[in-house]
């Protein structure tokens, strides 16, 4: 998967940095059979699992993200990390998850994490919900058809630093930064993407503030 959709993402940490390892679960559900009349054969009913951090969190409050987190020593590999974290955050049953591929590790400068995205298919979805309200305010299965609609996509730009991020707005959730970069790359590579207005550029700080978020810590 190309990371061109999010130019700030780095595939490796600088030589003088020892990153911490983490993994996220990019979990998609829906029919396995492609729909011949939709972009890239996107199946009707396809969705992706996302979480929203609690507004009371000190860092990344209100942020929408894939389930995931830091690796434990006993995990052994990124798949174990991603599934363990997803189970802790959403209550999903990992038995029903089919890991497909490990995407290249991505270094996130603000957090110092080397993150491995684990792309997976969910043939037998289990019930999911917020496990710890102090950490998450929402667990959502977001329809991919909503993410590809042109009116739900735009670009966020930080006026001072010149940093740009793809962004999605769906069901009151603003998705941006690392998570939006991965989603945008996935939509492009899969062929699911629809043409959208890439000239729709909005001020990052103002837009994030509208949804109770801030740039600091991203």
N, C-alpha and C. Protein backbone atom coordinates (compact mmCIF):
# COMPACT_ATOMS: atom_id res chain seq x y z
N UNK A 1 0.84 -1.19 0.00
CA UNK A 1 0.00 0.00 0.00
C UNK A 1 0.88 1.24 0.00
N UNK A 2 0.62 2.15 -0.89
CA UNK A 2 1.39 3.40 -0.94
C UNK A 2 0.98 4.32 0.19
N UNK A 3 1.97 5.01 0.77
CA UNK A 3 1.70 5.98 1.81
C UNK A 3 1.64 7.40 1.25
N UNK A 4 1.62 7.54 -0.08
CA UNK A 4 1.60 8.86 -0.70
C UNK A 4 0.39 9.67 -0.27
N UNK A 5 -0.68 9.02 0.14
CA UNK A 5 -1.89 9.74 0.55
C UNK A 5 -1.68 10.53 1.83
N UNK A 6 -0.57 10.27 2.51
CA UNK A 6 -0.29 10.98 3.75
C UNK A 6 1.21 11.22 3.81
N UNK A 7 1.70 12.35 3.24
CA UNK A 7 3.13 12.56 3.08
C UNK A 7 3.90 12.65 4.38
N UNK A 8 3.25 12.85 5.53
CA UNK A 8 3.98 12.98 6.78
C UNK A 8 4.35 11.62 7.37
N UNK A 9 3.73 10.55 6.90
CA UNK A 9 4.04 9.24 7.42
C UNK A 9 5.45 8.84 7.02
N UNK A 10 6.22 8.27 7.96
CA UNK A 10 7.59 7.85 7.72
C UNK A 10 7.66 6.34 7.86
N UNK A 11 8.33 5.69 6.89
CA UNK A 11 8.41 4.24 6.93
C UNK A 11 9.50 3.74 7.87
N UNK A 12 10.35 4.60 8.36
CA UNK A 12 11.37 4.17 9.31
C UNK A 12 11.75 5.32 10.22
N UNK A 13 12.15 4.97 11.43
CA UNK A 13 12.56 5.98 12.40
C UNK A 13 13.95 6.50 12.05
N UNK A 14 14.27 7.73 12.42
CA UNK A 14 15.62 8.24 12.22
C UNK A 14 16.65 7.35 12.92
N UNK A 15 17.88 7.37 12.42
CA UNK A 15 18.92 6.49 12.96
C UNK A 15 19.19 6.73 14.44
N UNK A 16 18.97 7.96 14.91
CA UNK A 16 19.28 8.28 16.30
C UNK A 16 18.09 8.08 17.24
N UNK A 17 17.03 7.43 16.74
CA UNK A 17 15.83 7.22 17.55
C UNK A 17 15.57 5.72 17.72
N UNK A 18 15.30 5.31 18.95
CA UNK A 18 14.89 3.93 19.21
C UNK A 18 13.38 3.92 19.43
N UNK A 19 12.62 3.51 18.43
CA UNK A 19 11.16 3.59 18.53
C UNK A 19 10.57 2.50 19.41
N UNK A 20 9.38 2.76 19.90
CA UNK A 20 8.59 1.75 20.59
C UNK A 20 7.70 1.06 19.55
N UNK A 21 7.49 -0.22 19.71
CA UNK A 21 6.71 -0.97 18.72
C UNK A 21 5.23 -1.02 19.09
N UNK A 22 4.40 -0.94 18.06
CA UNK A 22 2.95 -0.97 18.24
C UNK A 22 2.32 -1.57 17.00
N UNK A 23 1.03 -1.87 17.09
CA UNK A 23 0.30 -2.40 15.94
C UNK A 23 -1.14 -1.93 16.00
N UNK A 24 -1.74 -1.76 14.83
CA UNK A 24 -3.16 -1.43 14.75
C UNK A 24 -3.85 -2.45 13.86
N UNK A 25 -5.14 -2.67 14.11
CA UNK A 25 -5.92 -3.64 13.36
C UNK A 25 -6.83 -2.93 12.38
N UNK A 26 -6.53 -3.07 11.09
CA UNK A 26 -7.39 -2.54 10.03
C UNK A 26 -8.38 -3.65 9.66
N UNK A 27 -9.50 -3.69 10.35
CA UNK A 27 -10.42 -4.82 10.27
C UNK A 27 -11.64 -4.48 9.42
N UNK A 28 -11.77 -5.18 8.30
CA UNK A 28 -12.88 -4.96 7.37
C UNK A 28 -13.82 -6.16 7.40
N UNK A 29 -15.13 -5.86 7.39
CA UNK A 29 -16.16 -6.90 7.36
C UNK A 29 -17.05 -6.68 6.14
N UNK A 30 -17.83 -7.70 5.81
CA UNK A 30 -18.74 -7.60 4.68
C UNK A 30 -18.62 -8.81 3.78
N UNK A 31 -19.47 -8.90 2.75
CA UNK A 31 -19.42 -10.04 1.85
C UNK A 31 -18.06 -10.20 1.18
N UNK A 32 -17.63 -11.43 0.99
CA UNK A 32 -16.35 -11.68 0.30
C UNK A 32 -16.47 -11.44 -1.20
N UNK A 33 -17.67 -11.62 -1.75
CA UNK A 33 -17.85 -11.50 -3.19
C UNK A 33 -17.89 -10.05 -3.62
N UNK A 34 -17.13 -9.72 -4.65
CA UNK A 34 -17.08 -8.35 -5.16
C UNK A 34 -18.39 -7.97 -5.83
N UNK A 35 -18.73 -6.69 -5.75
CA UNK A 35 -19.92 -6.15 -6.42
C UNK A 35 -19.47 -5.56 -7.75
N UNK A 36 -19.89 -6.12 -8.87
CA UNK A 36 -19.39 -5.68 -10.18
C UNK A 36 -19.81 -4.28 -10.58
N UNK A 37 -20.75 -3.67 -9.87
CA UNK A 37 -21.24 -2.35 -10.29
C UNK A 37 -20.68 -1.22 -9.43
N UNK A 38 -19.84 -1.53 -8.46
CA UNK A 38 -19.29 -0.49 -7.60
C UNK A 38 -17.80 -0.32 -7.87
N UNK A 39 -17.23 0.84 -7.50
CA UNK A 39 -15.79 1.07 -7.72
C UNK A 39 -14.94 -0.02 -7.08
N UNK A 40 -14.07 -0.63 -7.88
CA UNK A 40 -13.18 -1.66 -7.36
C UNK A 40 -13.88 -2.91 -6.87
N UNK A 41 -15.18 -3.04 -7.18
CA UNK A 41 -15.92 -4.20 -6.71
C UNK A 41 -16.25 -4.15 -5.23
N UNK A 42 -16.27 -2.95 -4.63
CA UNK A 42 -16.56 -2.82 -3.21
C UNK A 42 -17.87 -3.51 -2.86
N UNK A 43 -17.82 -4.52 -1.98
CA UNK A 43 -19.05 -5.24 -1.64
C UNK A 43 -20.04 -4.35 -0.89
N UNK A 44 -21.30 -4.55 -1.18
CA UNK A 44 -22.34 -3.84 -0.45
C UNK A 44 -22.33 -4.31 1.01
N UNK A 45 -22.32 -3.37 1.93
CA UNK A 45 -22.31 -3.72 3.34
C UNK A 45 -20.93 -3.82 3.95
N UNK A 46 -19.89 -3.54 3.18
CA UNK A 46 -18.53 -3.57 3.74
C UNK A 46 -18.37 -2.47 4.78
N UNK A 47 -17.69 -2.79 5.87
CA UNK A 47 -17.43 -1.77 6.89
C UNK A 47 -16.06 -1.97 7.51
N UNK A 48 -15.61 -0.97 8.26
CA UNK A 48 -14.31 -1.02 8.92
C UNK A 48 -14.50 -0.64 10.39
N UNK A 49 -13.77 -1.30 11.27
CA UNK A 49 -13.91 -1.08 12.70
C UNK A 49 -13.02 0.07 13.16
N UNK A 50 -13.63 1.06 13.81
CA UNK A 50 -12.89 2.21 14.34
C UNK A 50 -13.33 2.50 15.77
N UNK A 51 -12.45 3.16 16.51
CA UNK A 51 -12.77 3.58 17.86
C UNK A 51 -12.57 5.09 17.98
N UNK A 52 -13.23 5.70 18.94
CA UNK A 52 -13.05 7.13 19.21
C UNK A 52 -12.64 7.31 20.66
N UNK A 53 -11.52 7.97 20.87
CA UNK A 53 -11.01 8.16 22.22
C UNK A 53 -11.90 9.11 23.00
N UNK A 54 -11.95 8.91 24.30
CA UNK A 54 -12.79 9.73 25.16
C UNK A 54 -12.34 11.18 25.15
N UNK A 55 -13.28 12.08 25.28
CA UNK A 55 -12.97 13.51 25.28
C UNK A 55 -12.23 13.94 26.53
N UNK A 56 -12.19 13.08 27.53
CA UNK A 56 -11.51 13.40 28.79
C UNK A 56 -10.05 12.97 28.79
N UNK A 57 -9.61 12.29 27.73
CA UNK A 57 -8.22 11.83 27.67
C UNK A 57 -7.27 13.01 27.59
N UNK A 58 -6.10 12.88 28.22
CA UNK A 58 -5.13 13.96 28.22
C UNK A 58 -4.48 14.13 26.85
N UNK A 59 -4.27 13.01 26.15
CA UNK A 59 -3.67 13.05 24.82
C UNK A 59 -4.64 12.46 23.80
N UNK A 60 -4.64 13.05 22.62
CA UNK A 60 -5.43 12.54 21.49
C UNK A 60 -6.92 12.45 21.80
N UNK A 61 -7.44 13.35 22.61
CA UNK A 61 -8.85 13.29 22.97
C UNK A 61 -9.74 13.45 21.74
N UNK A 62 -10.78 12.63 21.67
CA UNK A 62 -11.72 12.66 20.57
C UNK A 62 -11.21 12.06 19.28
N UNK A 63 -9.99 11.60 19.26
CA UNK A 63 -9.39 11.08 18.04
C UNK A 63 -10.02 9.76 17.62
N UNK A 64 -10.28 9.62 16.31
CA UNK A 64 -10.80 8.37 15.76
C UNK A 64 -9.62 7.55 15.26
N UNK A 65 -9.59 6.27 15.60
CA UNK A 65 -8.43 5.45 15.28
C UNK A 65 -8.83 4.00 15.06
N UNK A 66 -7.92 3.25 14.45
CA UNK A 66 -8.06 1.80 14.42
C UNK A 66 -7.76 1.26 15.81
N UNK A 67 -8.39 0.16 16.20
CA UNK A 67 -8.01 -0.46 17.47
C UNK A 67 -6.53 -0.85 17.42
N UNK A 68 -5.84 -0.70 18.53
CA UNK A 68 -4.43 -1.06 18.55
C UNK A 68 -3.70 -0.38 19.67
N UNK A 69 -2.41 -0.65 19.76
CA UNK A 69 -1.63 -0.04 20.81
C UNK A 69 -0.24 -0.63 20.89
N UNK A 70 0.43 -0.35 22.00
CA UNK A 70 1.82 -0.75 22.19
C UNK A 70 1.96 -2.26 22.34
N UNK A 71 3.08 -2.78 21.85
CA UNK A 71 3.36 -4.21 21.96
C UNK A 71 3.83 -4.56 23.36
N UNK A 72 3.38 -5.70 23.85
CA UNK A 72 3.90 -6.28 25.08
C UNK A 72 5.01 -7.27 24.72
N UNK A 73 5.94 -7.47 25.63
CA UNK A 73 7.06 -8.36 25.36
C UNK A 73 6.60 -9.77 24.98
N UNK A 74 5.52 -10.22 25.60
CA UNK A 74 5.06 -11.59 25.37
C UNK A 74 4.22 -11.73 24.10
N UNK A 75 3.94 -10.65 23.40
CA UNK A 75 3.09 -10.73 22.21
C UNK A 75 3.71 -11.60 21.12
N UNK A 76 4.97 -11.40 20.84
CA UNK A 76 5.64 -12.22 19.84
C UNK A 76 5.61 -11.67 18.43
N UNK A 77 4.49 -11.08 18.01
CA UNK A 77 4.40 -10.51 16.66
C UNK A 77 3.28 -9.48 16.61
N UNK A 78 3.26 -8.64 15.55
CA UNK A 78 2.26 -7.57 15.47
C UNK A 78 0.82 -8.06 15.41
N UNK A 79 0.59 -9.24 14.85
CA UNK A 79 -0.78 -9.75 14.78
C UNK A 79 -1.33 -9.99 16.19
N UNK A 80 -0.52 -10.59 17.03
CA UNK A 80 -0.94 -10.83 18.42
C UNK A 80 -1.21 -9.51 19.12
N UNK A 81 -0.32 -8.53 18.90
CA UNK A 81 -0.51 -7.21 19.52
C UNK A 81 -1.82 -6.58 19.08
N UNK A 82 -2.05 -6.57 17.76
CA UNK A 82 -3.25 -5.91 17.23
C UNK A 82 -4.52 -6.59 17.73
N UNK A 83 -4.55 -7.91 17.73
CA UNK A 83 -5.74 -8.63 18.17
C UNK A 83 -5.97 -8.45 19.68
N UNK A 84 -4.88 -8.50 20.45
CA UNK A 84 -5.02 -8.32 21.90
C UNK A 84 -5.56 -6.94 22.23
N UNK A 85 -4.98 -5.91 21.61
CA UNK A 85 -5.42 -4.55 21.87
C UNK A 85 -6.86 -4.34 21.42
N UNK A 86 -7.21 -4.90 20.25
CA UNK A 86 -8.58 -4.75 19.75
C UNK A 86 -9.58 -5.42 20.68
N UNK A 87 -9.22 -6.58 21.21
CA UNK A 87 -10.11 -7.26 22.15
C UNK A 87 -10.27 -6.45 23.43
N UNK A 88 -9.17 -5.87 23.92
CA UNK A 88 -9.23 -5.06 25.13
C UNK A 88 -10.07 -3.80 24.94
N UNK A 89 -10.01 -3.22 23.74
CA UNK A 89 -10.68 -1.95 23.49
C UNK A 89 -12.14 -2.11 23.09
N UNK A 90 -12.46 -3.18 22.36
CA UNK A 90 -13.79 -3.31 21.77
C UNK A 90 -14.55 -4.56 22.20
N UNK A 91 -13.87 -5.50 22.83
CA UNK A 91 -14.51 -6.74 23.23
C UNK A 91 -14.72 -7.73 22.10
N UNK A 92 -14.10 -7.51 20.94
CA UNK A 92 -14.30 -8.43 19.82
C UNK A 92 -13.70 -9.79 20.14
N UNK A 93 -14.23 -10.82 19.48
CA UNK A 93 -13.71 -12.17 19.61
C UNK A 93 -12.67 -12.38 18.51
N UNK A 94 -11.38 -12.49 18.85
CA UNK A 94 -10.34 -12.61 17.82
C UNK A 94 -10.44 -13.89 17.00
N UNK A 95 -11.17 -14.88 17.49
CA UNK A 95 -11.32 -16.13 16.74
C UNK A 95 -11.97 -15.87 15.39
N UNK A 96 -12.84 -14.87 15.31
CA UNK A 96 -13.55 -14.59 14.07
C UNK A 96 -12.81 -13.68 13.12
N UNK A 97 -11.55 -13.35 13.43
CA UNK A 97 -10.77 -12.43 12.61
C UNK A 97 -9.77 -13.22 11.76
N UNK A 98 -9.67 -12.87 10.48
CA UNK A 98 -8.73 -13.52 9.58
C UNK A 98 -7.64 -12.52 9.16
N UNK A 99 -6.47 -12.54 9.78
CA UNK A 99 -5.39 -11.64 9.37
C UNK A 99 -4.98 -11.94 7.93
N UNK A 100 -4.75 -10.89 7.15
CA UNK A 100 -4.42 -11.05 5.74
C UNK A 100 -2.96 -10.71 5.44
N UNK A 101 -2.51 -9.55 5.91
CA UNK A 101 -1.15 -9.12 5.57
C UNK A 101 -0.68 -8.07 6.56
N UNK A 102 0.62 -8.05 6.80
CA UNK A 102 1.23 -6.98 7.59
C UNK A 102 1.71 -5.91 6.62
N UNK A 103 1.25 -4.68 6.80
CA UNK A 103 1.71 -3.58 5.98
C UNK A 103 3.03 -3.07 6.54
N UNK A 104 3.80 -2.31 5.75
CA UNK A 104 5.09 -1.81 6.24
C UNK A 104 4.93 -0.99 7.51
N UNK A 105 5.90 -1.15 8.40
CA UNK A 105 5.89 -0.37 9.63
C UNK A 105 5.98 1.12 9.32
N UNK A 106 5.29 1.92 10.11
CA UNK A 106 5.26 3.37 9.90
C UNK A 106 5.66 4.05 11.20
N UNK A 107 6.63 4.93 11.11
CA UNK A 107 7.09 5.65 12.30
C UNK A 107 6.26 6.91 12.49
N UNK A 108 5.78 7.11 13.72
CA UNK A 108 4.96 8.28 14.05
C UNK A 108 5.79 9.19 14.96
N UNK A 109 6.35 10.27 14.42
CA UNK A 109 7.26 11.11 15.21
C UNK A 109 6.69 11.64 16.52
N UNK A 110 5.45 12.15 16.58
CA UNK A 110 4.98 12.71 17.85
C UNK A 110 4.94 11.71 19.00
N UNK A 111 4.64 10.45 18.69
CA UNK A 111 4.51 9.44 19.75
C UNK A 111 5.75 8.58 19.91
N UNK A 112 6.60 8.55 18.88
CA UNK A 112 7.79 7.71 18.92
C UNK A 112 7.51 6.24 18.68
N UNK A 113 6.32 5.92 18.16
CA UNK A 113 5.96 4.54 17.90
C UNK A 113 6.29 4.13 16.46
N UNK A 114 6.77 2.91 16.31
CA UNK A 114 6.87 2.24 15.03
C UNK A 114 5.63 1.36 14.93
N UNK A 115 4.69 1.72 14.08
CA UNK A 115 3.38 1.06 14.06
C UNK A 115 3.27 0.12 12.86
N UNK A 116 2.88 -1.11 13.11
CA UNK A 116 2.62 -2.07 12.04
C UNK A 116 1.11 -2.19 11.84
N UNK A 117 0.59 -1.76 10.69
CA UNK A 117 -0.84 -1.97 10.41
C UNK A 117 -1.08 -3.44 10.01
N UNK A 118 -2.04 -4.06 10.65
CA UNK A 118 -2.41 -5.44 10.34
C UNK A 118 -3.74 -5.41 9.59
N UNK A 119 -3.69 -5.70 8.31
CA UNK A 119 -4.91 -5.73 7.50
C UNK A 119 -5.59 -7.07 7.70
N UNK A 120 -6.88 -7.05 8.02
CA UNK A 120 -7.58 -8.29 8.35
C UNK A 120 -9.01 -8.26 7.85
N UNK A 121 -9.55 -9.46 7.66
CA UNK A 121 -10.95 -9.62 7.25
C UNK A 121 -11.72 -10.25 8.41
N UNK A 122 -12.98 -9.82 8.54
CA UNK A 122 -13.83 -10.23 9.67
C UNK A 122 -15.00 -11.04 9.13
N UNK A 123 -14.79 -12.32 8.80
CA UNK A 123 -15.88 -13.11 8.21
C UNK A 123 -17.01 -13.40 9.19
N UNK A 124 -16.69 -13.44 10.48
CA UNK A 124 -17.70 -13.73 11.49
C UNK A 124 -17.66 -12.65 12.57
N UNK A 125 -18.24 -11.49 12.28
CA UNK A 125 -18.19 -10.38 13.25
C UNK A 125 -18.85 -10.76 14.57
N UNK A 126 -18.22 -10.37 15.65
CA UNK A 126 -18.76 -10.56 16.99
C UNK A 126 -19.24 -9.22 17.50
N UNK A 127 -20.06 -9.20 18.53
CA UNK A 127 -20.50 -7.91 19.09
C UNK A 127 -19.31 -7.10 19.59
N UNK A 128 -19.36 -5.79 19.38
CA UNK A 128 -18.32 -4.90 19.87
C UNK A 128 -18.97 -3.70 20.55
N UNK A 129 -18.27 -3.14 21.51
CA UNK A 129 -18.77 -1.98 22.23
C UNK A 129 -17.62 -1.37 23.02
N UNK A 130 -17.88 -0.23 23.62
CA UNK A 130 -16.87 0.40 24.46
C UNK A 130 -16.64 -0.46 25.70
N UNK A 131 -15.39 -0.81 25.95
CA UNK A 131 -15.05 -1.62 27.12
C UNK A 131 -14.73 -0.72 28.31
N UNK A 132 -13.95 0.33 28.08
CA UNK A 132 -13.55 1.24 29.15
C UNK A 132 -13.94 2.67 28.77
N UNK A 133 -15.03 3.20 29.31
CA UNK A 133 -15.49 4.55 28.95
C UNK A 133 -14.49 5.65 29.28
N UNK A 134 -13.54 5.37 30.15
CA UNK A 134 -12.53 6.39 30.47
C UNK A 134 -11.51 6.53 29.35
N UNK A 135 -11.45 5.53 28.46
CA UNK A 135 -10.50 5.57 27.36
C UNK A 135 -11.16 5.79 26.01
N UNK A 136 -12.36 5.28 25.83
CA UNK A 136 -13.04 5.39 24.53
C UNK A 136 -14.49 5.82 24.73
N UNK A 137 -14.95 6.65 23.82
CA UNK A 137 -16.34 7.09 23.88
C UNK A 137 -17.22 6.35 22.89
N UNK A 138 -16.57 5.67 21.92
CA UNK A 138 -17.36 5.06 20.86
C UNK A 138 -16.56 3.96 20.16
N UNK A 139 -17.26 2.91 19.80
CA UNK A 139 -16.75 1.87 18.92
C UNK A 139 -17.73 1.77 17.77
N UNK A 140 -17.24 1.88 16.55
CA UNK A 140 -18.15 1.96 15.41
C UNK A 140 -17.67 1.09 14.25
N UNK A 141 -18.63 0.45 13.61
CA UNK A 141 -18.37 -0.21 12.34
C UNK A 141 -18.83 0.75 11.25
N UNK A 142 -17.88 1.40 10.63
CA UNK A 142 -18.17 2.49 9.69
C UNK A 142 -18.31 1.93 8.27
N UNK A 143 -19.45 2.15 7.61
CA UNK A 143 -19.62 1.67 6.24
C UNK A 143 -18.59 2.28 5.30
N UNK A 144 -17.92 1.44 4.53
CA UNK A 144 -16.92 1.94 3.59
C UNK A 144 -17.57 2.81 2.53
N UNK A 145 -18.83 2.51 2.19
CA UNK A 145 -19.52 3.32 1.18
C UNK A 145 -19.65 4.78 1.64
N UNK A 146 -19.71 5.02 2.95
CA UNK A 146 -19.75 6.40 3.44
C UNK A 146 -18.39 7.07 3.28
N UNK A 147 -17.33 6.32 3.48
CA UNK A 147 -15.98 6.89 3.39
C UNK A 147 -15.62 7.29 1.96
N UNK A 148 -16.17 6.59 0.98
CA UNK A 148 -15.79 6.90 -0.40
C UNK A 148 -16.66 7.99 -1.03
N UNK A 149 -17.72 8.42 -0.34
CA UNK A 149 -18.56 9.47 -0.90
C UNK A 149 -17.78 10.79 -0.94
N UNK A 150 -17.73 11.45 -2.10
CA UNK A 150 -16.93 12.67 -2.25
C UNK A 150 -17.25 13.75 -1.24
N UNK A 151 -18.53 13.88 -0.84
CA UNK A 151 -18.90 14.95 0.09
C UNK A 151 -18.37 14.69 1.50
N UNK A 152 -17.87 13.47 1.75
CA UNK A 152 -17.35 13.14 3.08
C UNK A 152 -15.83 13.23 3.16
N UNK A 153 -15.20 13.75 2.09
CA UNK A 153 -13.74 13.80 2.05
C UNK A 153 -13.25 15.23 1.83
N UNK A 154 -12.13 15.56 2.46
CA UNK A 154 -11.49 16.86 2.27
C UNK A 154 -10.07 16.77 2.80
N UNK A 155 -9.37 17.88 2.77
CA UNK A 155 -7.98 17.95 3.24
C UNK A 155 -7.90 18.94 4.39
N UNK A 156 -7.13 18.58 5.41
CA UNK A 156 -6.84 19.51 6.50
C UNK A 156 -5.42 20.03 6.34
N UNK A 157 -5.25 21.33 6.53
CA UNK A 157 -3.92 21.93 6.40
C UNK A 157 -3.63 22.81 7.61
N UNK A 158 -2.43 22.63 8.17
CA UNK A 158 -1.98 23.48 9.26
C UNK A 158 -1.28 24.69 8.66
N UNK A 159 -1.85 25.87 8.87
CA UNK A 159 -1.34 27.07 8.21
C UNK A 159 0.10 27.37 8.57
N UNK A 160 0.47 27.16 9.82
CA UNK A 160 1.82 27.52 10.27
C UNK A 160 2.88 26.55 9.79
N UNK A 161 2.60 25.25 9.89
CA UNK A 161 3.61 24.24 9.57
C UNK A 161 3.50 23.71 8.14
N UNK A 162 2.40 24.01 7.45
CA UNK A 162 2.22 23.52 6.10
C UNK A 162 1.90 22.04 6.03
N UNK A 163 1.61 21.43 7.16
CA UNK A 163 1.28 20.00 7.21
C UNK A 163 -0.13 19.77 6.70
N UNK A 164 -0.29 18.79 5.81
CA UNK A 164 -1.60 18.44 5.28
C UNK A 164 -1.95 17.00 5.64
N UNK A 165 -3.24 16.76 5.83
CA UNK A 165 -3.73 15.42 6.14
C UNK A 165 -5.02 15.17 5.40
N UNK A 166 -5.19 13.96 4.82
CA UNK A 166 -6.51 13.60 4.32
C UNK A 166 -7.48 13.54 5.48
N UNK A 167 -8.75 13.74 5.20
CA UNK A 167 -9.75 13.72 6.26
C UNK A 167 -11.06 13.15 5.74
N UNK A 168 -11.79 12.51 6.64
CA UNK A 168 -13.11 11.96 6.35
C UNK A 168 -14.06 12.43 7.45
N UNK A 169 -15.31 12.67 7.07
CA UNK A 169 -16.33 13.04 8.04
C UNK A 169 -17.52 12.11 7.84
N UNK A 170 -17.83 11.31 8.86
CA UNK A 170 -18.93 10.37 8.75
C UNK A 170 -19.60 10.18 10.10
N UNK A 171 -20.90 10.30 10.13
CA UNK A 171 -21.70 10.09 11.34
C UNK A 171 -21.16 10.88 12.52
N UNK A 172 -20.80 12.13 12.26
CA UNK A 172 -20.31 13.00 13.31
C UNK A 172 -18.88 12.76 13.74
N UNK A 173 -18.18 11.84 13.10
CA UNK A 173 -16.80 11.54 13.44
C UNK A 173 -15.86 12.13 12.41
N UNK A 174 -14.87 12.88 12.87
CA UNK A 174 -13.83 13.43 12.02
C UNK A 174 -12.62 12.50 12.08
N UNK A 175 -12.26 11.94 10.95
CA UNK A 175 -11.11 11.03 10.86
C UNK A 175 -9.99 11.76 10.14
N UNK A 176 -8.82 11.83 10.76
CA UNK A 176 -7.71 12.57 10.16
C UNK A 176 -6.39 11.93 10.59
N UNK A 177 -5.28 12.51 10.17
CA UNK A 177 -3.96 12.06 10.60
C UNK A 177 -3.61 10.66 10.14
N UNK A 178 -2.95 9.92 11.02
CA UNK A 178 -2.45 8.59 10.70
C UNK A 178 -3.56 7.67 10.20
N UNK A 179 -4.68 7.65 10.90
CA UNK A 179 -5.79 6.77 10.53
C UNK A 179 -6.35 7.12 9.17
N UNK A 180 -6.55 8.41 8.92
CA UNK A 180 -7.07 8.84 7.62
C UNK A 180 -6.08 8.54 6.51
N UNK A 181 -4.77 8.67 6.80
CA UNK A 181 -3.76 8.35 5.80
C UNK A 181 -3.82 6.89 5.39
N UNK A 182 -3.98 6.00 6.36
CA UNK A 182 -4.10 4.57 6.04
C UNK A 182 -5.37 4.28 5.27
N UNK A 183 -6.48 4.88 5.68
CA UNK A 183 -7.74 4.67 4.96
C UNK A 183 -7.66 5.18 3.53
N UNK A 184 -7.10 6.37 3.36
CA UNK A 184 -6.98 6.94 2.02
C UNK A 184 -6.12 6.05 1.13
N UNK A 185 -5.01 5.54 1.68
CA UNK A 185 -4.17 4.64 0.92
C UNK A 185 -4.89 3.36 0.55
N UNK A 186 -5.67 2.83 1.49
CA UNK A 186 -6.43 1.60 1.23
C UNK A 186 -7.46 1.81 0.13
N UNK A 187 -8.16 2.93 0.17
CA UNK A 187 -9.18 3.20 -0.85
C UNK A 187 -8.55 3.35 -2.23
N UNK A 188 -7.37 3.96 -2.28
CA UNK A 188 -6.69 4.15 -3.56
C UNK A 188 -6.21 2.83 -4.13
N UNK A 189 -5.51 2.05 -3.31
CA UNK A 189 -4.93 0.79 -3.78
C UNK A 189 -6.00 -0.22 -4.17
N UNK A 190 -7.10 -0.24 -3.42
CA UNK A 190 -8.17 -1.21 -3.69
C UNK A 190 -9.02 -0.86 -4.91
N UNK A 191 -8.92 0.40 -5.35
CA UNK A 191 -9.78 0.84 -6.44
C UNK A 191 -11.16 1.25 -6.00
N UNK A 192 -11.39 1.32 -4.68
CA UNK A 192 -12.71 1.69 -4.16
C UNK A 192 -12.94 3.20 -4.21
N UNK A 193 -11.91 3.95 -4.34
CA UNK A 193 -12.01 5.41 -4.27
C UNK A 193 -12.85 6.00 -5.41
N UNK A 194 -13.66 7.00 -5.07
CA UNK A 194 -14.38 7.79 -6.06
C UNK A 194 -13.66 9.13 -6.22
N UNK A 195 -13.77 9.75 -7.40
CA UNK A 195 -13.19 11.10 -7.55
C UNK A 195 -13.79 12.05 -6.52
N UNK A 196 -12.94 12.87 -5.90
CA UNK A 196 -13.42 13.83 -4.90
C UNK A 196 -12.65 15.13 -5.05
N UNK A 197 -13.15 16.17 -4.43
CA UNK A 197 -12.58 17.50 -4.59
C UNK A 197 -11.36 17.68 -3.69
N UNK A 198 -10.18 17.42 -4.23
CA UNK A 198 -8.95 17.54 -3.46
C UNK A 198 -8.56 18.99 -3.21
N UNK A 199 -9.27 19.91 -3.83
CA UNK A 199 -9.02 21.33 -3.57
C UNK A 199 -9.82 21.84 -2.37
N UNK A 200 -10.65 20.97 -1.77
CA UNK A 200 -11.40 21.34 -0.57
C UNK A 200 -10.46 21.24 0.62
N UNK A 201 -9.75 22.32 0.90
CA UNK A 201 -8.74 22.36 1.96
C UNK A 201 -9.27 23.22 3.10
N UNK A 202 -9.28 22.67 4.30
CA UNK A 202 -9.83 23.37 5.47
C UNK A 202 -8.74 23.56 6.53
N UNK A 203 -8.88 24.62 7.30
CA UNK A 203 -7.90 24.90 8.34
C UNK A 203 -7.93 23.80 9.40
N UNK A 204 -6.78 23.24 9.68
CA UNK A 204 -6.69 22.11 10.59
C UNK A 204 -7.10 22.46 12.01
N UNK A 205 -6.52 23.51 12.57
CA UNK A 205 -6.81 23.84 13.97
C UNK A 205 -8.27 24.19 14.18
N UNK A 206 -8.84 24.96 13.25
CA UNK A 206 -10.24 25.36 13.38
C UNK A 206 -11.17 24.15 13.29
N UNK A 207 -10.91 23.28 12.32
CA UNK A 207 -11.77 22.12 12.11
C UNK A 207 -11.67 21.14 13.27
N UNK A 208 -10.46 20.89 13.74
CA UNK A 208 -10.30 19.98 14.88
C UNK A 208 -11.00 20.52 16.12
N UNK A 209 -10.90 21.82 16.33
CA UNK A 209 -11.54 22.43 17.50
C UNK A 209 -13.05 22.24 17.46
N UNK A 210 -13.63 22.25 16.26
CA UNK A 210 -15.07 22.05 16.14
C UNK A 210 -15.50 20.67 16.64
N UNK A 211 -14.56 19.72 16.60
CA UNK A 211 -14.87 18.35 17.01
C UNK A 211 -14.16 17.97 18.31
N UNK A 212 -13.73 18.99 19.07
CA UNK A 212 -13.15 18.75 20.38
C UNK A 212 -11.77 18.16 20.36
N UNK A 213 -11.01 18.42 19.28
CA UNK A 213 -9.66 17.88 19.16
C UNK A 213 -8.67 19.02 18.99
N UNK A 214 -7.38 18.66 19.03
CA UNK A 214 -6.33 19.64 18.82
C UNK A 214 -5.16 18.98 18.11
N UNK A 215 -4.29 19.82 17.54
CA UNK A 215 -3.16 19.30 16.78
C UNK A 215 -2.11 18.71 17.70
N UNK A 216 -1.91 19.28 18.86
CA UNK A 216 -0.85 18.85 19.77
C UNK A 216 -0.95 17.36 20.04
N UNK A 217 0.22 16.71 19.92
CA UNK A 217 0.27 15.28 20.21
C UNK A 217 0.06 14.41 18.99
N UNK A 218 -0.24 15.02 17.82
CA UNK A 218 -0.39 14.21 16.62
C UNK A 218 0.87 14.18 15.81
